[in-house]
Amino acid sequence: MEDRLERLESLVALQDRTIEKLNDSIYEQQQQLHNVQKQLERLAGKVREMEVTSDQPGGPEAPPPHYGR
């Protein structure tokens, strides 16, 4: 009976460690996702700014057709 109890306690301790590791991984992934979302918002803002300035007269000119060839 004592062996069974010790085995169960060991399994519970192992499960606790596993849950902690999984929780830490989820937290790190959430932080990374949050950072990526902020970067995406900044990029979307820059694209909107570029669209607005390219629609205005005197905005950046298109490169000549031979540019980059």
N, C-alpha and C. Protein backbone atom coordinates (compact mmCIF):
# COMPACT_ATOMS: atom_id res chain seq x y z
N MET A 1 0.82 -1.19 0.00
CA MET A 1 0.00 0.00 0.00
C MET A 1 0.87 1.26 0.00
N GLU A 2 1.95 1.25 0.79
CA GLU A 2 2.83 2.41 0.85
C GLU A 2 3.52 2.64 -0.49
N ASP A 3 3.89 1.56 -1.16
CA ASP A 3 4.52 1.70 -2.47
C ASP A 3 3.57 2.36 -3.46
N ARG A 4 2.32 1.98 -3.42
CA ARG A 4 1.32 2.59 -4.32
C ARG A 4 1.19 4.08 -4.03
N LEU A 5 1.17 4.43 -2.78
CA LEU A 5 1.03 5.83 -2.38
C LEU A 5 2.25 6.64 -2.83
N GLU A 6 3.44 6.08 -2.64
CA GLU A 6 4.67 6.77 -3.09
C GLU A 6 4.67 6.94 -4.61
N ARG A 7 4.22 5.90 -5.30
CA ARG A 7 4.16 5.97 -6.77
C ARG A 7 3.19 7.06 -7.22
N LEU A 8 2.03 7.13 -6.58
CA LEU A 8 1.05 8.17 -6.91
C LEU A 8 1.60 9.56 -6.61
N GLU A 9 2.30 9.71 -5.47
CA GLU A 9 2.89 11.00 -5.13
C GLU A 9 3.94 11.40 -6.16
N SER A 10 4.71 10.45 -6.63
CA SER A 10 5.72 10.73 -7.65
C SER A 10 5.05 11.17 -8.95
N LEU A 11 3.99 10.47 -9.32
CA LEU A 11 3.28 10.84 -10.54
C LEU A 11 2.67 12.24 -10.44
N VAL A 12 2.12 12.57 -9.30
CA VAL A 12 1.54 13.90 -9.11
C VAL A 12 2.62 14.96 -9.20
N ALA A 13 3.77 14.70 -8.58
CA ALA A 13 4.88 15.66 -8.63
C ALA A 13 5.35 15.84 -10.07
N LEU A 14 5.45 14.77 -10.82
CA LEU A 14 5.85 14.84 -12.22
C LEU A 14 4.83 15.64 -13.02
N GLN A 15 3.55 15.40 -12.78
CA GLN A 15 2.51 16.14 -13.49
C GLN A 15 2.55 17.62 -13.14
N ASP A 16 2.82 17.94 -11.89
CA ASP A 16 2.94 19.34 -11.48
C ASP A 16 4.08 20.04 -12.23
N ARG A 17 5.22 19.37 -12.32
CA ARG A 17 6.36 19.95 -13.06
C ARG A 17 6.01 20.12 -14.53
N THR A 18 5.35 19.13 -15.11
CA THR A 18 4.97 19.21 -16.52
C THR A 18 4.01 20.37 -16.75
N ILE A 19 3.05 20.52 -15.87
CA ILE A 19 2.08 21.63 -16.01
C ILE A 19 2.79 22.97 -15.89
N GLU A 20 3.73 23.10 -14.97
CA GLU A 20 4.49 24.34 -14.83
C GLU A 20 5.27 24.66 -16.10
N LYS A 21 5.93 23.65 -16.67
CA LYS A 21 6.69 23.85 -17.91
C LYS A 21 5.76 24.27 -19.04
N LEU A 22 4.62 23.62 -19.15
CA LEU A 22 3.66 23.97 -20.20
C LEU A 22 3.13 25.39 -20.01
N ASN A 23 2.86 25.75 -18.78
CA ASN A 23 2.39 27.10 -18.49
C ASN A 23 3.45 28.13 -18.87
N ASP A 24 4.70 27.86 -18.54
CA ASP A 24 5.79 28.77 -18.91
C ASP A 24 5.89 28.90 -20.43
N SER A 25 5.76 27.79 -21.14
CA SER A 25 5.82 27.83 -22.60
C SER A 25 4.68 28.65 -23.18
N ILE A 26 3.50 28.46 -22.65
CA ILE A 26 2.34 29.22 -23.14
C ILE A 26 2.53 30.71 -22.88
N TYR A 27 3.06 31.05 -21.71
CA TYR A 27 3.30 32.45 -21.38
C TYR A 27 4.30 33.06 -22.37
N GLU A 28 5.39 32.37 -22.63
CA GLU A 28 6.40 32.86 -23.57
C GLU A 28 5.81 33.04 -24.97
N GLN A 29 5.02 32.08 -25.40
CA GLN A 29 4.40 32.19 -26.72
C GLN A 29 3.42 33.36 -26.78
N GLN A 30 2.70 33.60 -25.70
CA GLN A 30 1.78 34.73 -25.66
C GLN A 30 2.54 36.05 -25.76
N GLN A 31 3.69 36.13 -25.08
CA GLN A 31 4.52 37.33 -25.16
C GLN A 31 5.01 37.54 -26.59
N GLN A 32 5.46 36.46 -27.22
CA GLN A 32 5.94 36.56 -28.60
C GLN A 32 4.81 36.98 -29.53
N LEU A 33 3.64 36.43 -29.34
CA LEU A 33 2.49 36.79 -30.16
C LEU A 33 2.15 38.26 -29.98
N HIS A 34 2.19 38.73 -28.76
CA HIS A 34 1.91 40.13 -28.48
C HIS A 34 2.92 41.03 -29.20
N ASN A 35 4.20 40.67 -29.17
CA ASN A 35 5.23 41.45 -29.85
C ASN A 35 5.02 41.45 -31.36
N VAL A 36 4.65 40.32 -31.91
CA VAL A 36 4.40 40.24 -33.36
C VAL A 36 3.19 41.09 -33.74
N GLN A 37 2.16 41.08 -32.91
CA GLN A 37 0.98 41.90 -33.18
C GLN A 37 1.33 43.39 -33.18
N LYS A 38 2.18 43.81 -32.23
CA LYS A 38 2.59 45.21 -32.19
C LYS A 38 3.39 45.58 -33.44
N GLN A 39 4.28 44.68 -33.88
CA GLN A 39 5.05 44.94 -35.09
C GLN A 39 4.14 45.03 -36.30
N LEU A 40 3.16 44.14 -36.37
CA LEU A 40 2.22 44.15 -37.49
C LEU A 40 1.42 45.46 -37.52
N GLU A 41 0.98 45.94 -36.36
CA GLU A 41 0.25 47.20 -36.29
C GLU A 41 1.13 48.36 -36.77
N ARG A 42 2.41 48.37 -36.36
CA ARG A 42 3.31 49.43 -36.81
C ARG A 42 3.51 49.38 -38.31
N LEU A 43 3.70 48.18 -38.84
CA LEU A 43 3.88 48.04 -40.29
C LEU A 43 2.62 48.47 -41.05
N ALA A 44 1.46 48.09 -40.54
CA ALA A 44 0.21 48.48 -41.19
C ALA A 44 0.08 50.00 -41.19
N GLY A 45 0.47 50.64 -40.09
CA GLY A 45 0.44 52.10 -40.03
C GLY A 45 1.37 52.73 -41.05
N LYS A 46 2.55 52.17 -41.19
CA LYS A 46 3.51 52.70 -42.18
C LYS A 46 2.97 52.53 -43.59
N VAL A 47 2.35 51.39 -43.87
CA VAL A 47 1.78 51.16 -45.20
C VAL A 47 0.68 52.18 -45.47
N ARG A 48 -0.18 52.42 -44.47
CA ARG A 48 -1.24 53.42 -44.64
C ARG A 48 -0.64 54.79 -44.92
N GLU A 49 0.41 55.15 -44.18
CA GLU A 49 1.07 56.44 -44.41
C GLU A 49 1.63 56.53 -45.82
N MET A 50 2.24 55.44 -46.28
CA MET A 50 2.80 55.43 -47.63
C MET A 50 1.70 55.57 -48.67
N GLU A 51 0.56 54.93 -48.43
CA GLU A 51 -0.55 55.04 -49.38
C GLU A 51 -1.08 56.46 -49.44
N VAL A 52 -1.16 57.11 -48.29
CA VAL A 52 -1.67 58.48 -48.24
C VAL A 52 -0.70 59.41 -48.95
N THR A 53 0.59 59.28 -48.66
CA THR A 53 1.56 60.19 -49.28
C THR A 53 1.72 59.92 -50.77
N SER A 54 1.52 58.69 -51.21
CA SER A 54 1.66 58.41 -52.64
C SER A 54 0.46 58.92 -53.42
N ASP A 55 -0.68 59.12 -52.76
CA ASP A 55 -1.87 59.65 -53.42
C ASP A 55 -1.83 61.17 -53.52
N GLN A 56 -0.98 61.81 -52.74
CA GLN A 56 -0.92 63.26 -52.73
C GLN A 56 0.03 63.75 -53.81
N PRO A 57 -0.29 64.91 -54.42
CA PRO A 57 0.66 65.49 -55.40
C PRO A 57 1.97 65.84 -54.69
N GLY A 58 3.03 65.65 -55.39
CA GLY A 58 4.34 65.93 -54.83
C GLY A 58 4.87 64.80 -53.98
N GLY A 59 4.16 63.67 -53.98
CA GLY A 59 4.61 62.50 -53.23
C GLY A 59 5.79 61.86 -53.94
N PRO A 60 6.27 60.80 -53.42
CA PRO A 60 7.41 60.14 -54.05
C PRO A 60 7.08 59.69 -55.47
N GLU A 61 8.03 59.91 -56.35
CA GLU A 61 7.82 59.53 -57.75
C GLU A 61 8.11 58.04 -57.92
N ALA A 62 7.43 57.47 -58.89
CA ALA A 62 7.68 56.06 -59.21
C ALA A 62 9.05 55.94 -59.85
N PRO A 63 9.77 54.87 -59.59
CA PRO A 63 11.10 54.71 -60.22
C PRO A 63 10.94 54.52 -61.73
N PRO A 64 11.94 54.93 -62.48
CA PRO A 64 11.85 54.75 -63.93
C PRO A 64 11.78 53.27 -64.29
N PRO A 65 11.25 52.96 -65.48
CA PRO A 65 11.05 51.55 -65.86
C PRO A 65 12.34 50.72 -65.86
N HIS A 66 13.47 51.34 -66.16
CA HIS A 66 14.72 50.59 -66.23
C HIS A 66 15.38 50.42 -64.86
N TYR A 67 14.83 51.02 -63.83
CA TYR A 67 15.43 50.95 -62.50
C TYR A 67 15.41 49.52 -61.97
N GLY A 68 16.52 49.07 -61.49
CA GLY A 68 16.60 47.75 -60.89
C GLY A 68 16.81 46.61 -61.87
N ARG A 69 17.00 46.92 -63.09
CA ARG A 69 17.25 45.85 -64.08
C ARG A 69 18.69 45.71 -64.38
